[in-house]
Amino acid sequence: PQKLITMANQIGAFFEAEPDPERAQAGVADHLRR
């Protein structure tokens, strides 16, 4: 689980550069799903 959390946080860090919060959230979710 800790590895999954680390990976999810890395994805989140990437999408934090997106200025639109909804698009950033969708980007994280889409990456996890795909």
Full PDB file with SEQRES, HELIX, SHEET, SSBOND, CRYST1, ORIGX, SCALE, CONECT and MASTER records, all heavy atoms in Angstrom:
SEQRES   1 A   34  PRO GLN LYS LEU ILE THR MET ALA ASN GLN ILE GLY ALA          
SEQRES   2 A   34  PHE PHE GLU ALA GLU PRO ASP PRO GLU ARG ALA GLN ALA          
SEQRES   3 A   34  GLY VAL ALA ASP HIS LEU ARG ARG                              
HELIX    1 AA1 GLN A    2  PHE A   15  1                                  14    
HELIX    2 AA2 PRO A   21  ARG A   33  1                                  13    
CRYST1    1.000    1.000    1.000  90.00  90.00  90.00 P 1           1          
ORIGX1      1.000000  0.000000  0.000000        0.00000                         
ORIGX2      0.000000  1.000000  0.000000        0.00000                         
ORIGX3      0.000000  0.000000  1.000000        0.00000                         
SCALE1      1.000000  0.000000  0.000000        0.00000                         
SCALE2      0.000000  1.000000  0.000000        0.00000                         
SCALE3      0.000000  0.000000  1.000000        0.00000                         
ATOM      1  N   PRO A   1       0.816  -1.228   0.000  1.00  0.00           N  
ATOM      2  CA  PRO A   1       0.000   0.000   0.000  1.00  0.00           C  
ATOM      3  C   PRO A   1       0.845   1.271   0.000  1.00  0.00           C  
ATOM      4  O   PRO A   1       0.500   2.250  -0.663  1.00  0.00           O  
ATOM      5  CB  PRO A   1      -0.842  -0.122   1.264  1.00  0.00           C  
ATOM      6  CG  PRO A   1      -0.905  -1.573   1.553  1.00  0.00           C  
ATOM      7  CD  PRO A   1       0.400  -2.138   1.074  1.00  0.00           C  
ATOM      8  N   GLN A   2       1.947   1.277   0.733  1.00  0.00           N  
ATOM      9  CA  GLN A   2       2.780   2.482   0.782  1.00  0.00           C  
ATOM     10  C   GLN A   2       3.339   2.809  -0.605  1.00  0.00           C  
ATOM     11  O   GLN A   2       3.451   3.974  -0.978  1.00  0.00           O  
ATOM     12  CB  GLN A   2       3.908   2.326   1.802  1.00  0.00           C  
ATOM     13  CG  GLN A   2       4.657   3.616   2.027  1.00  0.00           C  
ATOM     14  CD  GLN A   2       3.755   4.765   2.463  1.00  0.00           C  
ATOM     15  OE1 GLN A   2       2.896   4.617   3.330  1.00  0.00           O  
ATOM     16  NE2 GLN A   2       3.931   5.918   1.856  1.00  0.00           N  
ATOM     17  N   LYS A   3       3.671   1.792  -1.386  1.00  0.00           N  
ATOM     18  CA  LYS A   3       4.165   2.011  -2.747  1.00  0.00           C  
ATOM     19  C   LYS A   3       3.056   2.624  -3.608  1.00  0.00           C  
ATOM     20  O   LYS A   3       3.309   3.533  -4.408  1.00  0.00           O  
ATOM     21  CB  LYS A   3       4.660   0.690  -3.340  1.00  0.00           C  
ATOM     22  CG  LYS A   3       5.152   0.781  -4.748  1.00  0.00           C  
ATOM     23  CD  LYS A   3       6.427   1.575  -4.852  1.00  0.00           C  
ATOM     24  CE  LYS A   3       6.947   1.522  -6.271  1.00  0.00           C  
ATOM     25  NZ  LYS A   3       7.995   2.486  -6.516  1.00  0.00           N  
ATOM     26  N   LEU A   4       1.831   2.140  -3.455  1.00  0.00           N  
ATOM     27  CA  LEU A   4       0.709   2.692  -4.214  1.00  0.00           C  
ATOM     28  C   LEU A   4       0.469   4.154  -3.843  1.00  0.00           C  
ATOM     29  O   LEU A   4       0.202   4.987  -4.714  1.00  0.00           O  
ATOM     30  CB  LEU A   4      -0.554   1.867  -3.967  1.00  0.00           C  
ATOM     31  CG  LEU A   4      -0.516   0.428  -4.469  1.00  0.00           C  
ATOM     32  CD1 LEU A   4      -1.750  -0.324  -4.003  1.00  0.00           C  
ATOM     33  CD2 LEU A   4      -0.403   0.388  -5.984  1.00  0.00           C  
ATOM     34  N   ILE A   5       0.568   4.462  -2.564  1.00  0.00           N  
ATOM     35  CA  ILE A   5       0.384   5.842  -2.108  1.00  0.00           C  
ATOM     36  C   ILE A   5       1.477   6.728  -2.690  1.00  0.00           C  
ATOM     37  O   ILE A   5       1.201   7.834  -3.176  1.00  0.00           O  
ATOM     38  CB  ILE A   5       0.361   5.896  -0.569  1.00  0.00           C  
ATOM     39  CG1 ILE A   5      -0.933   5.252  -0.061  1.00  0.00           C  
ATOM     40  CG2 ILE A   5       0.499   7.323  -0.055  1.00  0.00           C  
ATOM     41  CD1 ILE A   5      -0.947   4.962   1.405  1.00  0.00           C  
ATOM     42  N   THR A   6       2.715   6.249  -2.659  1.00  0.00           N  
ATOM     43  CA  THR A   6       3.825   7.017  -3.225  1.00  0.00           C  
ATOM     44  C   THR A   6       3.586   7.273  -4.708  1.00  0.00           C  
ATOM     45  O   THR A   6       3.756   8.404  -5.195  1.00  0.00           O  
ATOM     46  CB  THR A   6       5.153   6.267  -3.016  1.00  0.00           C  
ATOM     47  OG1 THR A   6       5.387   6.139  -1.617  1.00  0.00           O  
ATOM     48  CG2 THR A   6       6.317   7.005  -3.669  1.00  0.00           C  
ATOM     49  N   MET A   7       3.183   6.248  -5.434  1.00  0.00           N  
ATOM     50  CA  MET A   7       2.931   6.394  -6.868  1.00  0.00           C  
ATOM     51  C   MET A   7       1.778   7.368  -7.124  1.00  0.00           C  
ATOM     52  O   MET A   7       1.860   8.225  -8.013  1.00  0.00           O  
ATOM     53  CB  MET A   7       2.646   5.027  -7.491  1.00  0.00           C  
ATOM     54  CG  MET A   7       3.858   4.127  -7.525  1.00  0.00           C  
ATOM     55  SD  MET A   7       3.501   2.392  -7.922  1.00  0.00           S  
ATOM     56  CE  MET A   7       2.563   2.518  -9.406  1.00  0.00           C  
ATOM     57  N   ALA A   8       0.693   7.243  -6.353  1.00  0.00           N  
ATOM     58  CA  ALA A   8      -0.448   8.148  -6.525  1.00  0.00           C  
ATOM     59  C   ALA A   8      -0.028   9.592  -6.241  1.00  0.00           C  
ATOM     60  O   ALA A   8      -0.429  10.508  -6.965  1.00  0.00           O  
ATOM     61  CB  ALA A   8      -1.595   7.730  -5.611  1.00  0.00           C  
ATOM     62  N   ASN A   9       0.799   9.791  -5.223  1.00  0.00           N  
ATOM     63  CA  ASN A   9       1.268  11.129  -4.901  1.00  0.00           C  
ATOM     64  C   ASN A   9       2.171  11.694  -6.004  1.00  0.00           C  
ATOM     65  O   ASN A   9       2.154  12.896  -6.271  1.00  0.00           O  
ATOM     66  CB  ASN A   9       1.981  11.147  -3.552  1.00  0.00           C  
ATOM     67  CG  ASN A   9       1.006  11.161  -2.397  1.00  0.00           C  
ATOM     68  OD1 ASN A   9      -0.128  11.637  -2.521  1.00  0.00           O  
ATOM     69  ND2 ASN A   9       1.427  10.635  -1.267  1.00  0.00           N  
ATOM     70  N   GLN A  10       2.939  10.846  -6.647  1.00  0.00           N  
ATOM     71  CA  GLN A  10       3.771  11.297  -7.765  1.00  0.00           C  
ATOM     72  C   GLN A  10       2.900  11.755  -8.931  1.00  0.00           C  
ATOM     73  O   GLN A  10       3.190  12.766  -9.575  1.00  0.00           O  
ATOM     74  CB  GLN A  10       4.722  10.188  -8.202  1.00  0.00           C  
ATOM     75  CG  GLN A  10       5.813   9.911  -7.204  1.00  0.00           C  
ATOM     76  CD  GLN A  10       6.613   8.663  -7.534  1.00  0.00           C  
ATOM     77  OE1 GLN A  10       6.167   7.771  -8.230  1.00  0.00           O  
ATOM     78  NE2 GLN A  10       7.834   8.612  -6.989  1.00  0.00           N  
ATOM     79  N   ILE A  11       1.835  11.020  -9.180  1.00  0.00           N  
ATOM     80  CA  ILE A  11       0.894  11.414 -10.238  1.00  0.00           C  
ATOM     81  C   ILE A  11       0.263  12.753  -9.868  1.00  0.00           C  
ATOM     82  O   ILE A  11       0.151  13.659 -10.692  1.00  0.00           O  
ATOM     83  CB  ILE A  11      -0.179  10.327 -10.438  1.00  0.00           C  
ATOM     84  CG1 ILE A  11       0.469   9.047 -10.971  1.00  0.00           C  
ATOM     85  CG2 ILE A  11      -1.295  10.808 -11.362  1.00  0.00           C  
ATOM     86  CD1 ILE A  11      -0.398   7.811 -10.831  1.00  0.00           C  
ATOM     87  N   GLY A  12      -0.141  12.882  -8.609  1.00  0.00           N  
ATOM     88  CA  GLY A  12      -0.719  14.138  -8.143  1.00  0.00           C  
ATOM     89  C   GLY A  12       0.237  15.304  -8.292  1.00  0.00           C  
ATOM     90  O   GLY A  12      -0.164  16.395  -8.704  1.00  0.00           O  
ATOM     91  N   ALA A  13       1.507  15.080  -7.974  1.00  0.00           N  
ATOM     92  CA  ALA A  13       2.505  16.146  -8.096  1.00  0.00           C  
ATOM     93  C   ALA A  13       2.610  16.622  -9.542  1.00  0.00           C  
ATOM     94  O   ALA A  13       2.745  17.820  -9.809  1.00  0.00           O  
ATOM     95  CB  ALA A  13       3.859  15.659  -7.591  1.00  0.00           C  
ATOM     96  N   PHE A  14       2.537  15.693 -10.486  1.00  0.00           N  
ATOM     97  CA  PHE A  14       2.591  16.061 -11.898  1.00  0.00           C  
ATOM     98  C   PHE A  14       1.405  16.950 -12.271  1.00  0.00           C  
ATOM     99  O   PHE A  14       1.564  17.983 -12.922  1.00  0.00           O  
ATOM    100  CB  PHE A  14       2.611  14.800 -12.766  1.00  0.00           C  
ATOM    101  CG  PHE A  14       2.536  15.098 -14.234  1.00  0.00           C  
ATOM    102  CD1 PHE A  14       3.670  15.454 -14.934  1.00  0.00           C  
ATOM    103  CD2 PHE A  14       1.328  15.031 -14.907  1.00  0.00           C  
ATOM    104  CE1 PHE A  14       3.609  15.746 -16.294  1.00  0.00           C  
ATOM    105  CE2 PHE A  14       1.252  15.320 -16.260  1.00  0.00           C  
ATOM    106  CZ  PHE A  14       2.398  15.677 -16.958  1.00  0.00           C  
ATOM    107  N   PHE A  15       0.207  16.557 -11.859  1.00  0.00           N  
ATOM    108  CA  PHE A  15      -0.998  17.281 -12.257  1.00  0.00           C  
ATOM    109  C   PHE A  15      -1.224  18.572 -11.465  1.00  0.00           C  
ATOM    110  O   PHE A  15      -2.088  19.361 -11.835  1.00  0.00           O  
ATOM    111  CB  PHE A  15      -2.226  16.369 -12.185  1.00  0.00           C  
ATOM    112  CG  PHE A  15      -2.314  15.427 -13.347  1.00  0.00           C  
ATOM    113  CD1 PHE A  15      -1.902  14.117 -13.234  1.00  0.00           C  
ATOM    114  CD2 PHE A  15      -2.782  15.857 -14.575  1.00  0.00           C  
ATOM    115  CE1 PHE A  15      -1.963  13.246 -14.301  1.00  0.00           C  
ATOM    116  CE2 PHE A  15      -2.846  14.996 -15.666  1.00  0.00           C  
ATOM    117  CZ  PHE A  15      -2.432  13.698 -15.528  1.00  0.00           C  
ATOM    118  N   GLU A  16      -0.456  18.809 -10.414  1.00  0.00           N  
ATOM    119  CA  GLU A  16      -0.590  20.064  -9.669  1.00  0.00           C  
ATOM    120  C   GLU A  16      -0.209  21.271 -10.517  1.00  0.00           C  
ATOM    121  O   GLU A  16      -0.595  22.396 -10.198  1.00  0.00           O  
ATOM    122  CB  GLU A  16       0.248  20.019  -8.399  1.00  0.00           C  
ATOM    123  CG  GLU A  16      -0.396  19.163  -7.327  1.00  0.00           C  
ATOM    124  CD  GLU A  16       0.479  18.963  -6.110  1.00  0.00           C  
ATOM    125  OE1 GLU A  16       1.643  19.426  -6.104  1.00  0.00           O  
ATOM    126  OE2 GLU A  16       0.006  18.323  -5.168  1.00  0.00           O  
ATOM    127  N   ALA A  17       0.510  21.063 -11.609  1.00  0.00           N  
ATOM    128  CA  ALA A  17       0.866  22.173 -12.503  1.00  0.00           C  
ATOM    129  C   ALA A  17      -0.339  22.659 -13.310  1.00  0.00           C  
ATOM    130  O   ALA A  17      -0.318  23.776 -13.842  1.00  0.00           O  
ATOM    131  CB  ALA A  17       1.976  21.740 -13.453  1.00  0.00           C  
ATOM    132  N   GLU A  18      -1.394  21.857 -13.389  1.00  0.00           N  
ATOM    133  CA  GLU A  18      -2.612  22.231 -14.116  1.00  0.00           C  
ATOM    134  C   GLU A  18      -3.330  23.321 -13.327  1.00  0.00           C  
ATOM    135  O   GLU A  18      -3.687  23.125 -12.168  1.00  0.00           O  
ATOM    136  CB  GLU A  18      -3.515  21.007 -14.286  1.00  0.00           C  
ATOM    137  CG  GLU A  18      -4.898  21.290 -14.785  1.00  0.00           C  
ATOM    138  CD  GLU A  18      -4.931  21.948 -16.154  1.00  0.00           C  
ATOM    139  OE1 GLU A  18      -4.336  21.405 -17.087  1.00  0.00           O  
ATOM    140  OE2 GLU A  18      -5.561  23.024 -16.265  1.00  0.00           O  
ATOM    141  N   PRO A  19      -3.553  24.492 -13.930  1.00  0.00           N  
ATOM    142  CA  PRO A  19      -4.181  25.591 -13.187  1.00  0.00           C  
ATOM    143  C   PRO A  19      -5.666  25.373 -12.871  1.00  0.00           C  
ATOM    144  O   PRO A  19      -6.177  25.939 -11.907  1.00  0.00           O  
ATOM    145  CB  PRO A  19      -3.991  26.806 -14.094  1.00  0.00           C  
ATOM    146  CG  PRO A  19      -3.710  26.261 -15.442  1.00  0.00           C  
ATOM    147  CD  PRO A  19      -3.125  24.902 -15.259  1.00  0.00           C  
ATOM    148  N   ASP A  20      -6.348  24.562 -13.645  1.00  0.00           N  
ATOM    149  CA  ASP A  20      -7.777  24.307 -13.413  1.00  0.00           C  
ATOM    150  C   ASP A  20      -7.919  23.102 -12.477  1.00  0.00           C  
ATOM    151  O   ASP A  20      -7.588  21.977 -12.858  1.00  0.00           O  
ATOM    152  CB  ASP A  20      -8.470  24.026 -14.752  1.00  0.00           C  
ATOM    153  CG  ASP A  20      -9.952  23.751 -14.616  1.00  0.00           C  
ATOM    154  OD1 ASP A  20     -10.443  23.532 -13.497  1.00  0.00           O  
ATOM    155  OD2 ASP A  20     -10.631  23.748 -15.663  1.00  0.00           O  
ATOM    156  N   PRO A  21      -8.400  23.312 -11.252  1.00  0.00           N  
ATOM    157  CA  PRO A  21      -8.479  22.216 -10.282  1.00  0.00           C  
ATOM    158  C   PRO A  21      -9.317  21.024 -10.759  1.00  0.00           C  
ATOM    159  O   PRO A  21      -8.956  19.880 -10.500  1.00  0.00           O  
ATOM    160  CB  PRO A  21      -9.105  22.853  -9.041  1.00  0.00           C  
ATOM    161  CG  PRO A  21      -8.920  24.315  -9.207  1.00  0.00           C  
ATOM    162  CD  PRO A  21      -8.841  24.582 -10.676  1.00  0.00           C  
ATOM    163  N   GLU A  22     -10.411  21.291 -11.444  1.00  0.00           N  
ATOM    164  CA  GLU A  22     -11.254  20.187 -11.920  1.00  0.00           C  
ATOM    165  C   GLU A  22     -10.529  19.360 -12.974  1.00  0.00           C  
ATOM    166  O   GLU A  22     -10.630  18.134 -12.994  1.00  0.00           O  
ATOM    167  CB  GLU A  22     -12.580  20.710 -12.450  1.00  0.00           C  
ATOM    168  CG  GLU A  22     -13.487  21.202 -11.345  1.00  0.00           C  
ATOM    169  CD  GLU A  22     -14.827  21.697 -11.856  1.00  0.00           C  
ATOM    170  OE1 GLU A  22     -15.164  21.461 -13.040  1.00  0.00           O  
ATOM    171  OE2 GLU A  22     -15.538  22.323 -11.062  1.00  0.00           O  
ATOM    172  N   ARG A  23      -9.806  20.023 -13.865  1.00  0.00           N  
ATOM    173  CA  ARG A  23      -9.030  19.298 -14.876  1.00  0.00           C  
ATOM    174  C   ARG A  23      -7.897  18.521 -14.233  1.00  0.00           C  
ATOM    175  O   ARG A  23      -7.574  17.414 -14.662  1.00  0.00           O  
ATOM    176  CB  ARG A  23      -8.490  20.258 -15.926  1.00  0.00           C  
ATOM    177  CG  ARG A  23      -9.571  20.715 -16.889  1.00  0.00           C  
ATOM    178  CD  ARG A  23      -9.035  21.604 -17.947  1.00  0.00           C  
ATOM    179  NE  ARG A  23      -8.011  20.884 -18.710  1.00  0.00           N  
ATOM    180  CZ  ARG A  23      -7.600  21.220 -19.903  1.00  0.00           C  
ATOM    181  NH1 ARG A  23      -8.110  22.270 -20.490  1.00  0.00           N  
ATOM    182  NH2 ARG A  23      -6.665  20.541 -20.520  1.00  0.00           N  
ATOM    183  N   ALA A  24      -7.290  19.097 -13.196  1.00  0.00           N  
ATOM    184  CA  ALA A  24      -6.215  18.402 -12.483  1.00  0.00           C  
ATOM    185  C   ALA A  24      -6.760  17.133 -11.815  1.00  0.00           C  
ATOM    186  O   ALA A  24      -6.157  16.060 -11.915  1.00  0.00           O  
ATOM    187  CB  ALA A  24      -5.582  19.331 -11.456  1.00  0.00           C  
ATOM    188  N   GLN A  25      -7.913  17.253 -11.154  1.00  0.00           N  
ATOM    189  CA  GLN A  25      -8.529  16.084 -10.516  1.00  0.00           C  
ATOM    190  C   GLN A  25      -8.878  15.027 -11.556  1.00  0.00           C  
ATOM    191  O   GLN A  25      -8.614  13.835 -11.354  1.00  0.00           O  
ATOM    192  CB  GLN A  25      -9.791  16.489  -9.766  1.00  0.00           C  
ATOM    193  CG  GLN A  25      -9.541  17.320  -8.548  1.00  0.00           C  
ATOM    194  CD  GLN A  25     -10.823  17.857  -7.951  1.00  0.00           C  
ATOM    195  OE1 GLN A  25     -11.911  17.351  -8.230  1.00  0.00           O  
ATOM    196  NE2 GLN A  25     -10.717  18.889  -7.140  1.00  0.00           N  
ATOM    197  N   ALA A  26      -9.469  15.454 -12.660  1.00  0.00           N  
ATOM    198  CA  ALA A  26      -9.825  14.518 -13.719  1.00  0.00           C  
ATOM    199  C   ALA A  26      -8.579  13.860 -14.298  1.00  0.00           C  
ATOM    200  O   ALA A  26      -8.595  12.670 -14.632  1.00  0.00           O  
ATOM    201  CB  ALA A  26     -10.615  15.229 -14.816  1.00  0.00           C  
ATOM    202  N   GLY A  27      -7.481  14.618 -14.421  1.00  0.00           N  
ATOM    203  CA  GLY A  27      -6.241  14.057 -14.936  1.00  0.00           C  
ATOM    204  C   GLY A  27      -5.692  12.962 -14.036  1.00  0.00           C  
ATOM    205  O   GLY A  27      -5.256  11.909 -14.512  1.00  0.00           O  
ATOM    206  N   VAL A  28      -5.703  13.204 -12.729  1.00  0.00           N  
ATOM    207  CA  VAL A  28      -5.242  12.185 -11.780  1.00  0.00           C  
ATOM    208  C   VAL A  28      -6.120  10.949 -11.888  1.00  0.00           C  
ATOM    209  O   VAL A  28      -5.629   9.823 -12.022  1.00  0.00           O  
ATOM    210  CB  VAL A  28      -5.247  12.735 -10.334  1.00  0.00           C  
ATOM    211  CG1 VAL A  28      -5.006  11.613  -9.321  1.00  0.00           C  
ATOM    212  CG2 VAL A  28      -4.216  13.834 -10.167  1.00  0.00           C  
ATOM    213  N   ALA A  29      -7.428  11.138 -11.844  1.00  0.00           N  
ATOM    214  CA  ALA A  29      -8.351  10.000 -11.895  1.00  0.00           C  
ATOM    215  C   ALA A  29      -8.216   9.242 -13.214  1.00  0.00           C  
ATOM    216  O   ALA A  29      -8.214   8.004 -13.222  1.00  0.00           O  
ATOM    217  CB  ALA A  29      -9.791  10.485 -11.697  1.00  0.00           C  
ATOM    218  N   ASP A  30      -8.090   9.965 -14.300  1.00  0.00           N  
ATOM    219  CA  ASP A  30      -7.956   9.312 -15.603  1.00  0.00           C  
ATOM    220  C   ASP A  30      -6.669   8.494 -15.665  1.00  0.00           C  
ATOM    221  O   ASP A  30      -6.667   7.367 -16.171  1.00  0.00           O  
ATOM    222  CB  ASP A  30      -7.994  10.354 -16.716  1.00  0.00           C  
ATOM    223  CG  ASP A  30      -8.038   9.720 -18.085  1.00  0.00           C  
ATOM    224  OD1 ASP A  30      -8.922   8.862 -18.312  1.00  0.00           O  
ATOM    225  OD2 ASP A  30      -7.190  10.070 -18.938  1.00  0.00           O  
ATOM    226  N   HIS A  31      -5.594   9.034 -15.154  1.00  0.00           N  
ATOM    227  CA  HIS A  31      -4.331   8.289 -15.152  1.00  0.00           C  
ATOM    228  C   HIS A  31      -4.468   7.005 -14.332  1.00  0.00           C  
ATOM    229  O   HIS A  31      -4.046   5.934 -14.789  1.00  0.00           O  
ATOM    230  CB  HIS A  31      -3.200   9.153 -14.600  1.00  0.00           C  
ATOM    231  CG  HIS A  31      -1.877   8.464 -14.662  1.00  0.00           C  
ATOM    232  ND1 HIS A  31      -1.013   8.642 -15.707  1.00  0.00           N  
ATOM    233  CD2 HIS A  31      -1.292   7.581 -13.829  1.00  0.00           C  
ATOM    234  CE1 HIS A  31       0.061   7.888 -15.510  1.00  0.00           C  
ATOM    235  NE2 HIS A  31      -0.084   7.248 -14.363  1.00  0.00           N  
ATOM    236  N   LEU A  32      -5.049   7.118 -13.145  1.00  0.00           N  
ATOM    237  CA  LEU A  32      -5.227   5.928 -12.310  1.00  0.00           C  
ATOM    238  C   LEU A  32      -6.116   4.900 -13.002  1.00  0.00           C  
ATOM    239  O   LEU A  32      -5.833   3.694 -12.970  1.00  0.00           O  
ATOM    240  CB  LEU A  32      -5.819   6.309 -10.950  1.00  0.00           C  
ATOM    241  CG  LEU A  32      -4.944   7.163 -10.036  1.00  0.00           C  
ATOM    242  CD1 LEU A  32      -5.729   7.578  -8.806  1.00  0.00           C  
ATOM    243  CD2 LEU A  32      -3.673   6.428  -9.653  1.00  0.00           C  
ATOM    244  N   ARG A  33      -7.162   5.342 -13.632  1.00  0.00           N  
ATOM    245  CA  ARG A  33      -8.091   4.410 -14.299  1.00  0.00           C  
ATOM    246  C   ARG A  33      -7.465   3.756 -15.521  1.00  0.00           C  
ATOM    247  O   ARG A  33      -7.615   2.565 -15.742  1.00  0.00           O  
ATOM    248  CB  ARG A  33      -9.368   5.147 -14.692  1.00  0.00           C  
ATOM    249  CG  ARG A  33     -10.468   4.229 -15.206  1.00  0.00           C  
ATOM    250  CD  ARG A  33     -11.698   5.010 -15.626  1.00  0.00           C  
ATOM    251  NE  ARG A  33     -11.414   6.032 -16.610  1.00  0.00           N  
ATOM    252  CZ  ARG A  33     -11.239   5.789 -17.916  1.00  0.00           C  
ATOM    253  NH1 ARG A  33     -11.318   4.572 -18.378  1.00  0.00           N  
ATOM    254  NH2 ARG A  33     -10.999   6.781 -18.745  1.00  0.00           N  
ATOM    255  N   ARG A  34      -6.745   4.535 -16.308  1.00  0.00           N  
ATOM    256  CA  ARG A  34      -6.212   4.014 -17.567  1.00  0.00           C  
ATOM    257  C   ARG A  34      -4.933   3.199 -17.413  1.00  0.00           C  
ATOM    258  O   ARG A  34      -4.728   2.247 -18.166  1.00  0.00           O  
ATOM    259  CB  ARG A  34      -5.953   5.166 -18.524  1.00  0.00           C  
ATOM    260  CG  ARG A  34      -7.241   5.826 -18.997  1.00  0.00           C  
ATOM    261  CD  ARG A  34      -7.004   6.994 -19.901  1.00  0.00           C  
ATOM    262  NE  ARG A  34      -6.330   6.568 -21.111  1.00  0.00           N  
ATOM    263  CZ  ARG A  34      -5.543   7.337 -21.847  1.00  0.00           C  
ATOM    264  NH1 ARG A  34      -5.329   8.585 -21.499  1.00  0.00           N  
ATOM    265  NH2 ARG A  34      -4.965   6.882 -22.919  1.00  0.00           N  
TER     266      ARG A  34                                                      
MASTER        0    0    0    2    0    0    0    6  265    1    0    3          
END                                                                             
